[in-house]
C-alpha atoms as a PDB file:
ATOM      1  CA  MET A   1       3.042  -9.059  32.791  1.00  0.00           C
ATOM      2  CA  GLY A   2       6.356  -8.440  33.953  1.00  0.00           C
ATOM      3  CA  LEU A   3       9.942  -9.249  32.800  1.00  0.00           C
ATOM      4  CA  SER A   4       9.414 -13.230  33.165  1.00  0.00           C
ATOM      5  CA  ASP A   5       6.451 -13.243  31.001  1.00  0.00           C
ATOM      6  CA  VAL A   6       8.162 -11.317  27.911  1.00  0.00           C
ATOM      7  CA  ILE A   7      11.226 -13.665  27.874  1.00  0.00           C
ATOM      8  CA  SER A   8       9.063 -16.753  29.140  1.00  0.00           C
ATOM      9  CA  ASP A   9       6.786 -15.795  25.542  1.00  0.00           C
ATOM     10  CA  TRP A  10       9.966 -15.103  23.349  1.00  0.00           C
ATOM     11  CA  VAL A  11      11.243 -18.732  24.385  1.00  0.00           C
ATOM     12  CA  LYS A  12       8.089 -20.313  23.411  1.00  0.00           C
ATOM     13  CA  VAL A  13       8.370 -18.081  20.025  1.00  0.00           C
ATOM     14  CA  LEU A  14      11.782 -19.665  19.657  1.00  0.00           C
ATOM     15  CA  ARG A  15      10.899 -22.626  19.885  1.00  0.00           C
ATOM     16  CA  LEU A  16       7.842 -23.064  17.591  1.00  0.00           C
ATOM     17  CA  ALA A  17      10.011 -21.190  14.951  1.00  0.00           C
ATOM     18  CA  THR A  18      10.981 -23.628  12.381  1.00  0.00           C
ATOM     19  CA  LYS A  19      13.860 -22.409   8.932  1.00  0.00           C
ATOM     20  CA  PRO A  20      11.747 -22.085   6.576  1.00  0.00           C
ATOM     21  CA  SER A  21      12.513 -24.759   3.455  1.00  0.00           C
ATOM     22  CA  SER A  22      14.594 -23.489   0.230  1.00  0.00           C
ATOM     23  CA  GLU A  23      10.882 -23.983  -1.880  1.00  0.00           C
ATOM     24  CA  GLU A  24       9.708 -21.188   0.813  1.00  0.00           C
ATOM     25  CA  TYR A  25      12.311 -19.468   1.080  1.00  0.00           C
ATOM     26  CA  LYS A  26      12.344 -18.683  -3.207  1.00  0.00           C
ATOM     27  CA  LEU A  27       8.986 -18.302  -3.232  1.00  0.00           C
ATOM     28  CA  THR A  28       9.175 -15.240  -0.022  1.00  0.00           C
ATOM     29  CA  LEU A  29      12.043 -13.741  -2.012  1.00  0.00           C
ATOM     30  CA  ARG A  30      10.747 -13.914  -5.366  1.00  0.00           C
ATOM     31  CA  VAL A  31       7.409 -12.461  -3.931  1.00  0.00           C
ATOM     32  CA  VAL A  32       9.309  -9.279  -2.186  1.00  0.00           C
ATOM     33  CA  LEU A  33      11.611  -8.520  -5.265  1.00  0.00           C
ATOM     34  CA  LEU A  34       8.549  -8.405  -7.138  1.00  0.00           C
ATOM     35  CA  GLY A  35       6.403  -6.059  -4.811  1.00  0.00           C
ATOM     36  CA  LEU A  36      10.204  -3.845  -4.619  1.00  0.00           C
ATOM     37  CA  GLY A  37      10.532  -3.588  -8.141  1.00  0.00           C
ATOM     38  CA  ILE A  38       6.586  -2.725  -8.737  1.00  0.00           C
ATOM     39  CA  LEU A  39       6.826   0.173  -6.238  1.00  0.00           C
ATOM     40  CA  GLY A  40       9.748   0.633  -7.453  1.00  0.00           C
ATOM     41  CA  THR A  41       8.299   1.526 -10.907  1.00  0.00           C
ATOM     42  CA  ILE A  42       5.474   3.482 -10.247  1.00  0.00           C
ATOM     43  CA  GLY A  43       7.832   5.452  -8.074  1.00  0.00           C
ATOM     44  CA  PHE A  44      10.273   6.262 -10.839  1.00  0.00           C
ATOM     45  CA  PHE A  45       6.921   7.623 -12.795  1.00  0.00           C
ATOM     46  CA  PHE A  46       5.642   9.850 -10.385  1.00  0.00           C
ATOM     47  CA  GLN A  47       9.214  11.188 -10.142  1.00  0.00           C
ATOM     48  CA  LEU A  48       9.301  11.424 -14.519  1.00  0.00           C
ATOM     49  CA  VAL A  49       6.096  12.879 -15.051  1.00  0.00           C
ATOM     50  CA  GLY A  50       6.776  14.904 -11.590  1.00  0.00           C
ATOM     51  CA  SER A  51       9.457  16.053 -13.493  1.00  0.00           C
ATOM     52  CA  MET A  52       8.063  16.667 -16.905  1.00  0.00           C
ATOM     53  CA  LEU A  53       5.402  19.028 -15.049  1.00  0.00           C
ATOM     54  CA  GLU A  54       8.394  20.811 -13.161  1.00  0.00           C
ATOM     55  CA  PHE A  55       8.964  22.218 -16.628  1.00  0.00           C
ATOM     56  CA  THR A  56       6.093  22.772 -18.750  1.00  0.00           C
ATOM     57  CA  SER A  57       4.388  25.947 -17.947  1.00  0.00           C
ATOM     58  CA  ILE A  58       0.234  24.674 -16.799  1.00  0.00           C
ATOM     59  CA  GLN A  59      -2.386  27.547 -15.468  1.00  0.00           C
ATOM     60  CA  ALA A  60      -3.963  27.748 -12.437  1.00  0.00           C
ATOM     61  CA  VAL A  61      -7.046  25.607 -12.410  1.00  0.00           C
ATOM     62  CA  PRO A  62     -10.632  27.411 -11.425  1.00  0.00           C
ATOM     63  CA  ARG A  63     -11.969  26.788  -8.198  1.00  0.00           C
ATOM     64  CA  GLU A  64     -15.174  25.832  -9.146  1.00  0.00           C
ATOM     65  CA  TYR A  65     -13.397  23.188 -12.091  1.00  0.00           C
ATOM     66  CA  ALA A  66     -11.164  21.974  -8.419  1.00  0.00           C
ATOM     67  CA  LEU A  67     -14.596  21.813  -6.240  1.00  0.00           C
ATOM     68  CA  VAL A  68     -16.657  19.873  -8.780  1.00  0.00           C
ATOM     69  CA  GLY A  69     -13.559  17.651  -9.359  1.00  0.00           C
ATOM     70  CA  GLY A  70     -13.199  17.256  -5.346  1.00  0.00           C
ATOM     71  CA  LEU A  71     -17.195  16.008  -4.830  1.00  0.00           C
ATOM     72  CA  LEU A  72     -17.126  14.074  -7.649  1.00  0.00           C
ATOM     73  CA  VAL A  73     -13.921  11.647  -6.422  1.00  0.00           C
ATOM     74  CA  GLY A  74     -16.107  11.845  -2.835  1.00  0.00           C
ATOM     75  CA  VAL A  75     -18.967  10.516  -4.556  1.00  0.00           C
ATOM     76  CA  ALA A  76     -16.571   7.982  -6.091  1.00  0.00           C
ATOM     77  CA  VAL A  77     -15.553   7.134  -3.184  1.00  0.00           C
ATOM     78  CA  LEU A  78     -18.401   6.833  -1.507  1.00  0.00           C
ATOM     79  CA  PHE A  79     -20.107   4.496  -3.346  1.00  0.00           C
ATOM     80  CA  VAL A  80     -17.392   2.097  -4.026  1.00  0.00           C
ATOM     81  CA  ALA A  81     -17.497   1.633  -0.056  1.00  0.00           C
ATOM     82  CA  LEU A  82     -21.194   1.500   0.179  1.00  0.00           C
ATOM     83  CA  TYR A  83     -20.601  -1.495  -2.456  1.00  0.00           C
ATOM     84  CA  LEU A  84     -18.179  -3.247  -0.803  1.00  0.00           C
ATOM     85  CA  LYS A  85     -19.932  -2.959   2.421  1.00  0.00           C
ATOM     86  CA  SER A  86     -22.948  -4.335   1.461  1.00  0.00           C
ATOM     87  CA  ARG A  87     -21.269  -7.401  -0.126  1.00  0.00           C
ATOM     88  CA  SER A  88     -19.271  -7.662   3.234  1.00  0.00           C
ATOM     89  CA  GLU A  89     -22.980  -8.564   4.404  1.00  0.00           C
ATOM     90  CA  LEU A  90     -23.580 -11.058   2.125  1.00  0.00           C
END
């Protein structure tokens, strides 16, 4: 694929591209702003929790608890994956 092929592909794309209508533009803008707001809120709460945890004295979690918790999370993820896989085959 040479340079002339790439340029001809660009020209084809530019010929097919159209300017969005004002309704489509407003809808896209709303979706983007909503996504940014949600992600910003989640990030703010993570930062808030991290700041609160920084100033508290929490004792270390015993190794056994961490191991059992990790295994439970792994089993839960495995069950969710198997469930989603079984639903996609229907």
